[in-house]
Amino acid sequence: LYSFCDGKDVGDTIFLIASQINHGKEWILGDKDLSIAIAELNMKAGEKALDGCDHKTAYSYLGAALSLLPNDHWRNHYDLSLRLNFLTSSAANSCCQYDEAEQILRGISGRTRCF
């Protein structure tokens, strides 16, 4: 499924693809490169959901993306980490998860190089 959409605009099918892959994400965690790629796929699904004002769906996909990042993501994938955390904070805020949104923003402020 991932290879079907890699680098392509698959429209709303991205939700189905990301959802199916997420059901087996524990098998992905052992492969760092694949984990990053699937995190990016989930981020794209989250962005698409945000574009459609479906904040709850966006929050779910963005949360899945964060859970796929390796422990060293701020050091080795800084741009992805920053963007993904900002998007997740925004989606959390829109879903009335204010404490989590604030916690994510505090985490960002402790790790940013510059805004």
PDB file of N, CA and C in Angstrom:
ATOM      1  N   LEU A   1       0.818  -1.201   0.000  1.00  0.00           N
ATOM      2  CA  LEU A   1       0.000   0.000   0.000  1.00  0.00           C
ATOM      3  C   LEU A   1       0.859   1.260   0.000  1.00  0.00           C
ATOM      4  N   TYR A   2       1.912   1.233   0.810  1.00  0.00           N
ATOM      5  CA  TYR A   2       2.757   2.425   0.889  1.00  0.00           C
ATOM      6  C   TYR A   2       3.385   2.752  -0.454  1.00  0.00           C
ATOM      7  N   SER A   3       3.877   1.749  -1.147  1.00  0.00           N
ATOM      8  CA  SER A   3       4.534   2.004  -2.432  1.00  0.00           C
ATOM      9  C   SER A   3       3.547   2.544  -3.463  1.00  0.00           C
ATOM     10  N   PHE A   4       2.259   2.253  -3.292  1.00  0.00           N
ATOM     11  CA  PHE A   4       1.241   2.766  -4.195  1.00  0.00           C
ATOM     12  C   PHE A   4       1.145   4.281  -4.132  1.00  0.00           C
ATOM     13  N   CYS A   5       1.328   4.851  -2.952  1.00  0.00           N
ATOM     14  CA  CYS A   5       1.100   6.287  -2.791  1.00  0.00           C
ATOM     15  C   CYS A   5       2.383   7.091  -2.598  1.00  0.00           C
ATOM     16  N   ASP A   6       3.520   6.433  -2.536  1.00  0.00           N
ATOM     17  CA  ASP A   6       4.778   7.129  -2.291  1.00  0.00           C
ATOM     18  C   ASP A   6       5.047   8.162  -3.386  1.00  0.00           C
ATOM     19  N   GLY A   7       5.038   9.430  -2.988  1.00  0.00           N
ATOM     20  CA  GLY A   7       5.336  10.522  -3.910  1.00  0.00           C
ATOM     21  C   GLY A   7       4.187  10.912  -4.818  1.00  0.00           C
ATOM     22  N   LYS A   8       3.012  10.367  -4.613  1.00  0.00           N
ATOM     23  CA  LYS A   8       1.862  10.661  -5.466  1.00  0.00           C
ATOM     24  C   LYS A   8       0.762  11.325  -4.661  1.00  0.00           C
ATOM     25  N   ASP A   9      -0.068  12.081  -5.352  1.00  0.00           N
ATOM     26  CA  ASP A   9      -1.263  12.629  -4.730  1.00  0.00           C
ATOM     27  C   ASP A   9      -2.383  11.624  -4.973  1.00  0.00           C
ATOM     28  N   VAL A  10      -2.759  10.907  -3.947  1.00  0.00           N
ATOM     29  CA  VAL A  10      -3.768   9.862  -4.084  1.00  0.00           C
ATOM     30  C   VAL A  10      -5.137  10.319  -3.584  1.00  0.00           C
ATOM     31  N   GLY A  11      -5.267  11.613  -3.301  1.00  0.00           N
ATOM     32  CA  GLY A  11      -6.545  12.144  -2.844  1.00  0.00           C
ATOM     33  C   GLY A  11      -6.956  11.565  -1.504  1.00  0.00           C
ATOM     34  N   ASP A  12      -8.248  11.337  -1.369  1.00  0.00           N
ATOM     35  CA  ASP A  12      -8.783  10.823  -0.102  1.00  0.00           C
ATOM     36  C   ASP A  12      -8.382   9.381   0.173  1.00  0.00           C
ATOM     37  N   THR A  13      -7.858   8.693  -0.815  1.00  0.00           N
ATOM     38  CA  THR A  13      -7.398   7.324  -0.618  1.00  0.00           C
ATOM     39  C   THR A  13      -6.276   7.265   0.408  1.00  0.00           C
ATOM     40  N   ILE A  14      -5.615   8.393   0.636  1.00  0.00           N
ATOM     41  CA  ILE A  14      -4.529   8.426   1.622  1.00  0.00           C
ATOM     42  C   ILE A  14      -5.035   8.022   3.004  1.00  0.00           C
ATOM     43  N   PHE A  15      -6.304   8.339   3.313  1.00  0.00           N
ATOM     44  CA  PHE A  15      -6.857   7.979   4.617  1.00  0.00           C
ATOM     45  C   PHE A  15      -6.962   6.457   4.754  1.00  0.00           C
ATOM     46  N   LEU A  16      -7.441   5.804   3.725  1.00  0.00           N
ATOM     47  CA  LEU A  16      -7.565   4.345   3.741  1.00  0.00           C
ATOM     48  C   LEU A  16      -6.193   3.684   3.830  1.00  0.00           C
ATOM     49  N   ILE A  17      -5.249   4.172   3.046  1.00  0.00           N
ATOM     50  CA  ILE A  17      -3.902   3.592   3.035  1.00  0.00           C
ATOM     51  C   ILE A  17      -3.234   3.766   4.398  1.00  0.00           C
ATOM     52  N   ALA A  18      -3.262   4.980   4.934  1.00  0.00           N
ATOM     53  CA  ALA A  18      -2.632   5.239   6.236  1.00  0.00           C
ATOM     54  C   ALA A  18      -3.306   4.425   7.337  1.00  0.00           C
ATOM     55  N   SER A  19      -4.621   4.343   7.294  1.00  0.00           N
ATOM     56  CA  SER A  19      -5.351   3.590   8.307  1.00  0.00           C
ATOM     57  C   SER A  19      -4.978   2.110   8.288  1.00  0.00           C
ATOM     58  N   GLN A  20      -4.909   1.527   7.106  1.00  0.00           N
ATOM     59  CA  GLN A  20      -4.553   0.116   6.995  1.00  0.00           C
ATOM     60  C   GLN A  20      -3.128  -0.131   7.486  1.00  0.00           C
ATOM     61  N   ILE A  21      -2.216   0.735   7.100  1.00  0.00           N
ATOM     62  CA  ILE A  21      -0.827   0.586   7.544  1.00  0.00           C
ATOM     63  C   ILE A  21      -0.731   0.746   9.058  1.00  0.00           C
ATOM     64  N   ASN A  22      -1.489   1.682   9.617  1.00  0.00           N
ATOM     65  CA  ASN A  22      -1.439   1.930  11.061  1.00  0.00           C
ATOM     66  C   ASN A  22      -1.892   0.727  11.880  1.00  0.00           C
ATOM     67  N   HIS A  23      -2.736  -0.113  11.307  1.00  0.00           N
ATOM     68  CA  HIS A  23      -3.165  -1.318  12.034  1.00  0.00           C
ATOM     69  C   HIS A  23      -2.001  -2.272  12.270  1.00  0.00           C
ATOM     70  N   GLY A  24      -0.955  -2.159  11.478  1.00  0.00           N
ATOM     71  CA  GLY A  24       0.206  -3.015  11.667  1.00  0.00           C
ATOM     72  C   GLY A  24       1.464  -2.249  12.012  1.00  0.00           C
ATOM     73  N   LYS A  25       1.290  -1.068  12.605  1.00  0.00           N
ATOM     74  CA  LYS A  25       2.460  -0.210  12.819  1.00  0.00           C
ATOM     75  C   LYS A  25       3.480  -0.781  13.796  1.00  0.00           C
ATOM     76  N   GLU A  26       3.069  -1.681  14.675  1.00  0.00           N
ATOM     77  CA  GLU A  26       4.052  -2.263  15.594  1.00  0.00           C
ATOM     78  C   GLU A  26       5.100  -3.073  14.836  1.00  0.00           C
ATOM     79  N   TRP A  27       4.801  -3.508  13.640  1.00  0.00           N
ATOM     80  CA  TRP A  27       5.743  -4.268  12.813  1.00  0.00           C
ATOM     81  C   TRP A  27       6.694  -3.335  12.073  1.00  0.00           C
ATOM     82  N   ILE A  28       6.300  -2.078  11.989  1.00  0.00           N
ATOM     83  CA  ILE A  28       7.087  -1.073  11.271  1.00  0.00           C
ATOM     84  C   ILE A  28       8.158  -0.473  12.173  1.00  0.00           C
ATOM     85  N   LEU A  29       7.899  -0.432  13.468  1.00  0.00           N
ATOM     86  CA  LEU A  29       8.772   0.267  14.401  1.00  0.00           C
ATOM     87  C   LEU A  29      10.213  -0.234  14.400  1.00  0.00           C
ATOM     88  N   GLY A  30      10.440  -1.453  13.995  1.00  0.00           N
ATOM     89  CA  GLY A  30      11.797  -1.993  13.952  1.00  0.00           C
ATOM     90  C   GLY A  30      12.629  -1.466  12.802  1.00  0.00           C
ATOM     91  N   ASP A  31      11.987  -0.891  11.816  1.00  0.00           N
ATOM     92  CA  ASP A  31      12.676  -0.357  10.633  1.00  0.00           C
ATOM     93  C   ASP A  31      12.607   1.165  10.681  1.00  0.00           C
ATOM     94  N   LYS A  32      13.720   1.785  11.062  1.00  0.00           N
ATOM     95  CA  LYS A  32      13.754   3.234  11.275  1.00  0.00           C
ATOM     96  C   LYS A  32      13.360   4.025  10.020  1.00  0.00           C
ATOM     97  N   ASP A  33      13.901   3.637   8.866  1.00  0.00           N
ATOM     98  CA  ASP A  33      13.594   4.363   7.628  1.00  0.00           C
ATOM     99  C   ASP A  33      12.125   4.229   7.254  1.00  0.00           C
ATOM    100  N   LEU A  34      11.582   3.038   7.395  1.00  0.00           N
ATOM    101  CA  LEU A  34      10.170   2.830   7.085  1.00  0.00           C
ATOM    102  C   LEU A  34       9.286   3.564   8.089  1.00  0.00           C
ATOM    103  N   SER A  35       9.692   3.596   9.346  1.00  0.00           N
ATOM    104  CA  SER A  35       8.930   4.335  10.366  1.00  0.00           C
ATOM    105  C   SER A  35       8.825   5.808  10.000  1.00  0.00           C
ATOM    106  N   ILE A  36       9.925   6.388   9.543  1.00  0.00           N
ATOM    107  CA  ILE A  36       9.910   7.805   9.138  1.00  0.00           C
ATOM    108  C   ILE A  36       8.995   7.991   7.934  1.00  0.00           C
ATOM    109  N   ALA A  37       9.103   7.091   6.965  1.00  0.00           N
ATOM    110  CA  ALA A  37       8.267   7.199   5.762  1.00  0.00           C
ATOM    111  C   ALA A  37       6.789   7.093   6.098  1.00  0.00           C
ATOM    112  N   ILE A  38       6.424   6.188   6.988  1.00  0.00           N
ATOM    113  CA  ILE A  38       5.023   6.025   7.369  1.00  0.00           C
ATOM    114  C   ILE A  38       4.573   7.194   8.251  1.00  0.00           C
ATOM    115  N   ALA A  39       5.469   7.737   9.051  1.00  0.00           N
ATOM    116  CA  ALA A  39       5.143   8.946   9.816  1.00  0.00           C
ATOM    117  C   ALA A  39       4.825  10.097   8.863  1.00  0.00           C
ATOM    118  N   GLU A  40       5.608  10.227   7.795  1.00  0.00           N
ATOM    119  CA  GLU A  40       5.348  11.269   6.795  1.00  0.00           C
ATOM    120  C   GLU A  40       4.017  11.040   6.090  1.00  0.00           C
ATOM    121  N   LEU A  41       3.692   9.774   5.799  1.00  0.00           N
ATOM    122  CA  LEU A  41       2.400   9.447   5.187  1.00  0.00           C
ATOM    123  C   LEU A  41       1.257   9.856   6.113  1.00  0.00           C
ATOM    124  N   ASN A  42       1.383   9.539   7.399  1.00  0.00           N
ATOM    125  CA  ASN A  42       0.361   9.929   8.369  1.00  0.00           C
ATOM    126  C   ASN A  42       0.269  11.440   8.502  1.00  0.00           C
ATOM    127  N   MET A  43       1.412  12.121   8.415  1.00  0.00           N
ATOM    128  CA  MET A  43       1.388  13.576   8.474  1.00  0.00           C
ATOM    129  C   MET A  43       0.630  14.141   7.277  1.00  0.00           C
ATOM    130  N   LYS A  44       0.851  13.572   6.099  1.00  0.00           N
ATOM    131  CA  LYS A  44       0.111  14.018   4.907  1.00  0.00           C
ATOM    132  C   LYS A  44      -1.382  13.777   5.077  1.00  0.00           C
ATOM    133  N   ALA A  45      -1.754  12.624   5.635  1.00  0.00           N
ATOM    134  CA  ALA A  45      -3.164  12.338   5.888  1.00  0.00           C
ATOM    135  C   ALA A  45      -3.729  13.341   6.897  1.00  0.00           C
ATOM    136  N   GLY A  46      -2.950  13.637   7.930  1.00  0.00           N
ATOM    137  CA  GLY A  46      -3.383  14.630   8.923  1.00  0.00           C
ATOM    138  C   GLY A  46      -3.546  16.013   8.321  1.00  0.00           C
ATOM    139  N   GLU A  47      -2.612  16.407   7.459  1.00  0.00           N
ATOM    140  CA  GLU A  47      -2.723  17.710   6.793  1.00  0.00           C
ATOM    141  C   GLU A  47      -3.963  17.765   5.899  1.00  0.00           C
ATOM    142  N   LYS A  48      -4.214  16.676   5.190  1.00  0.00           N
ATOM    143  CA  LYS A  48      -5.390  16.629   4.309  1.00  0.00           C
ATOM    144  C   LYS A  48      -6.666  16.734   5.140  1.00  0.00           C
ATOM    145  N   ALA A  49      -6.689  16.051   6.285  1.00  0.00           N
ATOM    146  CA  ALA A  49      -7.855  16.143   7.163  1.00  0.00           C
ATOM    147  C   ALA A  49      -8.016  17.563   7.711  1.00  0.00           C
ATOM    148  N   LEU A  50      -6.907  18.204   8.072  1.00  0.00           N
ATOM    149  CA  LEU A  50      -6.984  19.596   8.541  1.00  0.00           C
ATOM    150  C   LEU A  50      -7.502  20.513   7.447  1.00  0.00           C
ATOM    151  N   ASP A  51      -7.054  20.280   6.228  1.00  0.00           N
ATOM    152  CA  ASP A  51      -7.542  21.084   5.098  1.00  0.00           C
ATOM    153  C   ASP A  51      -9.044  20.960   4.926  1.00  0.00           C
ATOM    154  N   GLY A  52      -9.580  19.788   5.267  1.00  0.00           N
ATOM    155  CA  GLY A  52     -11.020  19.559   5.179  1.00  0.00           C
ATOM    156  C   GLY A  52     -11.748  19.858   6.475  1.00  0.00           C
ATOM    157  N   CYS A  53     -11.069  20.480   7.425  1.00  0.00           N
ATOM    158  CA  CYS A  53     -11.622  20.862   8.729  1.00  0.00           C
ATOM    159  C   CYS A  53     -12.117  19.666   9.541  1.00  0.00           C
ATOM    160  N   ASP A  54     -11.527  18.509   9.312  1.00  0.00           N
ATOM    161  CA  ASP A  54     -11.839  17.321  10.110  1.00  0.00           C
ATOM    162  C   ASP A  54     -10.732  17.177  11.145  1.00  0.00           C
ATOM    163  N   HIS A  55     -10.834  17.948  12.190  1.00  0.00           N
ATOM    164  CA  HIS A  55      -9.770  18.053  13.179  1.00  0.00           C
ATOM    165  C   HIS A  55      -9.577  16.770  13.988  1.00  0.00           C
ATOM    166  N   LYS A  56     -10.651  16.059  14.267  1.00  0.00           N
ATOM    167  CA  LYS A  56     -10.540  14.818  15.026  1.00  0.00           C
ATOM    168  C   LYS A  56      -9.763  13.767  14.236  1.00  0.00           C
ATOM    169  N   THR A  57     -10.059  13.647  12.956  1.00  0.00           N
ATOM    170  CA  THR A  57      -9.329  12.713  12.102  1.00  0.00           C
ATOM    171  C   THR A  57      -7.873  13.137  11.977  1.00  0.00           C
ATOM    172  N   ALA A  58      -7.650  14.433  11.806  1.00  0.00           N
ATOM    173  CA  ALA A  58      -6.280  14.951  11.707  1.00  0.00           C
ATOM    174  C   ALA A  58      -5.500  14.629  12.973  1.00  0.00           C
ATOM    175  N   TYR A  59      -6.118  14.843  14.099  1.00  0.00           N
ATOM    176  CA  TYR A  59      -5.482  14.569  15.391  1.00  0.00           C
ATOM    177  C   TYR A  59      -5.080  13.103  15.503  1.00  0.00           C
ATOM    178  N   SER A  60      -5.924  12.220  15.013  1.00  0.00           N
ATOM    179  CA  SER A  60      -5.639  10.795  15.049  1.00  0.00           C
ATOM    180  C   SER A  60      -4.440  10.435  14.166  1.00  0.00           C
ATOM    181  N   TYR A  61      -4.432  10.908  12.930  1.00  0.00           N
ATOM    182  CA  TYR A  61      -3.316  10.596  12.026  1.00  0.00           C
ATOM    183  C   TYR A  61      -2.011  11.249  12.481  1.00  0.00           C
ATOM    184  N   LEU A  62      -2.090  12.459  12.973  1.00  0.00           N
ATOM    185  CA  LEU A  62      -0.883  13.142  13.440  1.00  0.00           C
ATOM    186  C   LEU A  62      -0.330  12.469  14.691  1.00  0.00           C
ATOM    187  N   GLY A  63      -1.216  12.008  15.562  1.00  0.00           N
ATOM    188  CA  GLY A  63      -0.773  11.264  16.737  1.00  0.00           C
ATOM    189  C   GLY A  63      -0.087   9.957  16.347  1.00  0.00           C
ATOM    190  N   ALA A  64      -0.634   9.297  15.333  1.00  0.00           N
ATOM    191  CA  ALA A  64      -0.010   8.068  14.833  1.00  0.00           C
ATOM    192  C   ALA A  64       1.371   8.383  14.277  1.00  0.00           C
ATOM    193  N   ALA A  65       1.483   9.490  13.572  1.00  0.00           N
ATOM    194  CA  ALA A  65       2.776   9.893  13.001  1.00  0.00           C
ATOM    195  C   ALA A  65       3.798  10.129  14.111  1.00  0.00           C
ATOM    196  N   LEU A  66       3.403  10.830  15.151  1.00  0.00           N
ATOM    197  CA  LEU A  66       4.322  11.083  16.270  1.00  0.00           C
ATOM    198  C   LEU A  66       4.774   9.777  16.922  1.00  0.00           C
ATOM    199  N   SER A  67       3.861   8.830  17.027  1.00  0.00           N
ATOM    200  CA  SER A  67       4.206   7.568  17.688  1.00  0.00           C
ATOM    201  C   SER A  67       5.195   6.734  16.875  1.00  0.00           C
ATOM    202  N   LEU A  68       5.338   7.045  15.602  1.00  0.00           N
ATOM    203  CA  LEU A  68       6.258   6.301  14.740  1.00  0.00           C
ATOM    204  C   LEU A  68       7.666   6.887  14.711  1.00  0.00           C
ATOM    205  N   LEU A  69       7.823   8.090  15.242  1.00  0.00           N
ATOM    206  CA  LEU A  69       9.138   8.722  15.198  1.00  0.00           C
ATOM    207  C   LEU A  69      10.107   8.028  16.149  1.00  0.00           C
ATOM    208  N   PRO A  70      11.350   7.873  15.726  1.00  0.00           N
ATOM    209  CA  PRO A  70      12.352   7.266  16.615  1.00  0.00           C
ATOM    210  C   PRO A  70      12.706   8.212  17.762  1.00  0.00           C
ATOM    211  N   ASN A  71      13.348   7.689  18.778  1.00  0.00           N
ATOM    212  CA  ASN A  71      13.695   8.494  19.952  1.00  0.00           C
ATOM    213  C   ASN A  71      14.574   9.693  19.621  1.00  0.00           C
ATOM    214  N   ASP A  72      15.402   9.579  18.609  1.00  0.00           N
ATOM    215  CA  ASP A  72      16.319  10.662  18.244  1.00  0.00           C
ATOM    216  C   ASP A  72      15.752  11.594  17.171  1.00  0.00           C
ATOM    217  N   HIS A  73      14.441  11.636  17.053  1.00  0.00           N
ATOM    218  CA  HIS A  73      13.828  12.379  15.945  1.00  0.00           C
ATOM    219  C   HIS A  73      14.147  13.870  15.950  1.00  0.00           C
ATOM    220  N   TRP A  74      14.287  14.480  17.102  1.00  0.00           N
ATOM    221  CA  TRP A  74      14.597  15.915  17.103  1.00  0.00           C
ATOM    222  C   TRP A  74      16.003  16.171  16.568  1.00  0.00           C
ATOM    223  N   ARG A  75      16.907  15.268  16.799  1.00  0.00           N
ATOM    224  CA  ARG A  75      18.285  15.442  16.338  1.00  0.00           C
ATOM    225  C   ARG A  75      18.435  15.053  14.859  1.00  0.00           C
ATOM    226  N   ASN A  76      17.832  13.949  14.460  1.00  0.00           N
ATOM    227  CA  ASN A  76      18.057  13.432  13.112  1.00  0.00           C
ATOM    228  C   ASN A  76      16.969  13.762  12.098  1.00  0.00           C
ATOM    229  N   HIS A  77      15.817  14.240  12.577  1.00  0.00           N
ATOM    230  CA  HIS A  77      14.704  14.586  11.676  1.00  0.00           C
ATOM    231  C   HIS A  77      14.037  15.866  12.194  1.00  0.00           C
ATOM    232  N   TYR A  78      14.852  16.881  12.348  1.00  0.00           N
ATOM    233  CA  TYR A  78      14.405  18.116  13.003  1.00  0.00           C
ATOM    234  C   TYR A  78      13.207  18.762  12.287  1.00  0.00           C
ATOM    235  N   ASP A  79      13.319  18.969  10.973  1.00  0.00           N
ATOM    236  CA  ASP A  79      12.240  19.649  10.247  1.00  0.00           C
ATOM    237  C   ASP A  79      10.926  18.882  10.338  1.00  0.00           C
ATOM    238  N   LEU A  80      10.989  17.576  10.158  1.00  0.00           N
ATOM    239  CA  LEU A  80       9.796  16.734  10.277  1.00  0.00           C
ATOM    240  C   LEU A  80       9.229  16.822  11.690  1.00  0.00           C
ATOM    241  N   SER A  81      10.083  16.747  12.688  1.00  0.00           N
ATOM    242  CA  SER A  81       9.632  16.803  14.080  1.00  0.00           C
ATOM    243  C   SER A  81       8.951  18.127  14.399  1.00  0.00           C
ATOM    244  N   LEU A  82       9.547  19.209  13.957  1.00  0.00           N
ATOM    245  CA  LEU A  82       8.978  20.528  14.220  1.00  0.00           C
ATOM    246  C   LEU A  82       7.614  20.680  13.561  1.00  0.00           C
ATOM    247  N   ARG A  83       7.534  20.371  12.281  1.00  0.00           N
ATOM    248  CA  ARG A  83       6.259  20.501  11.553  1.00  0.00           C
ATOM    249  C   ARG A  83       5.187  19.591  12.145  1.00  0.00           C
ATOM    250  N   LEU A  84       5.550  18.357  12.405  1.00  0.00           N
ATOM    251  CA  LEU A  84       4.591  17.401  12.927  1.00  0.00           C
ATOM    252  C   LEU A  84       4.089  17.803  14.312  1.00  0.00           C
ATOM    253  N   ASN A  85       4.963  18.288  15.145  1.00  0.00           N
ATOM    254  CA  ASN A  85       4.535  18.732  16.472  1.00  0.00           C
ATOM    255  C   ASN A  85       3.636  19.958  16.393  1.00  0.00           C
ATOM    256  N   PHE A  86       3.958  20.908  15.523  1.00  0.00           N
ATOM    257  CA  PHE A  86       3.079  22.075  15.364  1.00  0.00           C
ATOM    258  C   PHE A  86       1.698  21.658  14.867  1.00  0.00           C
ATOM    259  N   LEU A  87       1.653  20.796  13.863  1.00  0.00           N
ATOM    260  CA  LEU A  87       0.373  20.335  13.331  1.00  0.00           C
ATOM    261  C   LEU A  87      -0.429  19.587  14.394  1.00  0.00           C
ATOM    262  N   THR A  88       0.243  18.739  15.151  1.00  0.00           N
ATOM    263  CA  THR A  88      -0.451  17.979  16.191  1.00  0.00           C
ATOM    264  C   THR A  88      -0.981  18.901  17.277  1.00  0.00           C
ATOM    265  N   SER A  89      -0.211  19.890  17.643  1.00  0.00           N
ATOM    266  CA  SER A  89      -0.671  20.854  18.638  1.00  0.00           C
ATOM    267  C   SER A  89      -1.903  21.611  18.142  1.00  0.00           C
ATOM    268  N   SER A  90      -1.870  22.004  16.895  1.00  0.00           N
ATOM    269  CA  SER A  90      -3.009  22.706  16.303  1.00  0.00           C
ATOM    270  C   SER A  90      -4.255  21.820  16.285  1.00  0.00           C
ATOM    271  N   ALA A  91      -4.089  20.567  15.873  1.00  0.00           N
ATOM    272  CA  ALA A  91      -5.223  19.640  15.831  1.00  0.00           C
ATOM    273  C   ALA A  91      -5.734  19.356  17.241  1.00  0.00           C
ATOM    274  N   ALA A  92      -4.827  19.191  18.198  1.00  0.00           N
ATOM    275  CA  ALA A  92      -5.236  18.953  19.586  1.00  0.00           C
ATOM    276  C   ALA A  92      -6.042  20.133  20.111  1.00  0.00           C
ATOM    277  N   ASN A  93      -5.586  21.329  19.834  1.00  0.00           N
ATOM    278  CA  ASN A  93      -6.295  22.528  20.258  1.00  0.00           C
ATOM    279  C   ASN A  93      -7.695  22.579  19.648  1.00  0.00           C
ATOM    280  N   SER A  94      -7.804  22.235  18.368  1.00  0.00           N
ATOM    281  CA  SER A  94      -9.095  22.253  17.690  1.00  0.00           C
ATOM    282  C   SER A  94     -10.040  21.172  18.206  1.00  0.00           C
ATOM    283  N   CYS A  95      -9.488  20.131  18.815  1.00  0.00           N
ATOM    284  CA  CYS A  95     -10.292  19.047  19.399  1.00  0.00           C
ATOM    285  C   CYS A  95     -10.519  19.252  20.889  1.00  0.00           C
ATOM    286  N   CYS A  96     -10.260  20.449  21.363  1.00  0.00           N
ATOM    287  CA  CYS A  96     -10.439  20.814  22.768  1.00  0.00           C
ATOM    288  C   CYS A  96      -9.515  20.043  23.708  1.00  0.00           C
ATOM    289  N   GLN A  97      -8.396  19.587  23.192  1.00  0.00           N
ATOM    290  CA  GLN A  97      -7.377  18.920  24.008  1.00  0.00           C
ATOM    291  C   GLN A  97      -6.320  19.971  24.365  1.00  0.00           C
ATOM    292  N   TYR A  98      -6.757  20.971  25.117  1.00  0.00           N
ATOM    293  CA  TYR A  98      -5.923  22.144  25.375  1.00  0.00           C
ATOM    294  C   TYR A  98      -4.651  21.816  26.153  1.00  0.00           C
ATOM    295  N   ASP A  99      -4.767  20.942  27.136  1.00  0.00           N
ATOM    296  CA  ASP A  99      -3.581  20.592  27.926  1.00  0.00           C
ATOM    297  C   ASP A  99      -2.530  19.903  27.061  1.00  0.00           C
ATOM    298  N   GLU A 100      -2.977  18.999  26.200  1.00  0.00           N
ATOM    299  CA  GLU A 100      -2.019  18.316  25.325  1.00  0.00           C
ATOM    300  C   GLU A 100      -1.410  19.290  24.320  1.00  0.00           C
ATOM    301  N   ALA A 101      -2.231  20.175  23.773  1.00  0.00           N
ATOM    302  CA  ALA A 101      -1.717  21.177  22.834  1.00  0.00           C
ATOM    303  C   ALA A 101      -0.637  22.025  23.505  1.00  0.00           C
ATOM    304  N   GLU A 102      -0.905  22.445  24.742  1.00  0.00           N
ATOM    305  CA  GLU A 102       0.074  23.248  25.474  1.00  0.00           C
ATOM    306  C   GLU A 102       1.339  22.438  25.770  1.00  0.00           C
ATOM    307  N   GLN A 103       1.177  21.184  26.146  1.00  0.00           N
ATOM    308  CA  GLN A 103       2.323  20.329  26.436  1.00  0.00           C
ATOM    309  C   GLN A 103       3.201  20.149  25.195  1.00  0.00           C
ATOM    310  N   ILE A 104       2.580  19.959  24.046  1.00  0.00           N
ATOM    311  CA  ILE A 104       3.335  19.814  22.799  1.00  0.00           C
ATOM    312  C   ILE A 104       4.091  21.095  22.485  1.00  0.00           C
ATOM    313  N   LEU A 105       3.430  22.229  22.657  1.00  0.00           N
ATOM    314  CA  LEU A 105       4.092  23.517  22.386  1.00  0.00           C
ATOM    315  C   LEU A 105       5.260  23.754  23.339  1.00  0.00           C
ATOM    316  N   ARG A 106       5.094  23.365  24.593  1.00  0.00           N
ATOM    317  CA  ARG A 106       6.207  23.497  25.539  1.00  0.00           C
ATOM    318  C   ARG A 106       7.380  22.601  25.131  1.00  0.00           C
ATOM    319  N   GLY A 107       7.054  21.417  24.646  1.00  0.00           N
ATOM    320  CA  GLY A 107       8.100  20.512  24.161  1.00  0.00           C
ATOM    321  C   GLY A 107       8.829  21.092  22.956  1.00  0.00           C
ATOM    322  N   ILE A 108       8.082  21.729  22.081  1.00  0.00           N
ATOM    323  CA  ILE A 108       8.681  22.368  20.906  1.00  0.00           C
ATOM    324  C   ILE A 108       9.618  23.488  21.340  1.00  0.00           C
ATOM    325  N   SER A 109       9.151  24.326  22.262  1.00  0.00           N
ATOM    326  CA  SER A 109       9.957  25.473  22.662  1.00  0.00           C
ATOM    327  C   SER A 109      11.263  25.050  23.328  1.00  0.00           C
ATOM    328  N   GLY A 110      11.279  23.874  23.920  1.00  0.00           N
ATOM    329  CA  GLY A 110      12.510  23.390  24.539  1.00  0.00           C
ATOM    330  C   GLY A 110      13.481  22.764  23.567  1.00  0.00           C
ATOM    331  N   ARG A 111      13.039  22.558  22.320  1.00  0.00           N
ATOM    332  CA  ARG A 111      13.898  21.872  21.352  1.00  0.00           C
ATOM    333  C   ARG A 111      14.173  22.658  20.078  1.00  0.00           C
ATOM    334  N   THR A 112      13.513  23.767  19.913  1.00  0.00           N
ATOM    335  CA  THR A 112      13.680  24.515  18.657  1.00  0.00           C
ATOM    336  C   THR A 112      15.036  25.190  18.579  1.00  0.00           C
ATOM    337  N   ARG A 113      15.509  25.280  17.361  1.00  0.00           N
ATOM    338  CA  ARG A 113      16.755  25.987  17.082  1.00  0.00           C
ATOM    339  C   ARG A 113      16.449  27.454  16.815  1.00  0.00           C
ATOM    340  N   CYS A 114      15.398  27.704  16.071  1.00  0.00           N
ATOM    341  CA  CYS A 114      14.902  29.063  15.813  1.00  0.00           C
ATOM    342  C   CYS A 114      13.533  28.935  15.182  1.00  0.00           C
ATOM    343  N   PHE A 115      12.744  30.014  15.249  1.00  0.00           N
ATOM    344  CA  PHE A 115      11.414  30.002  14.635  1.00  0.00           C
ATOM    345  C   PHE A 115      11.453  30.750  13.348  1.00  0.00           C
TER     346      PHE A 115
END
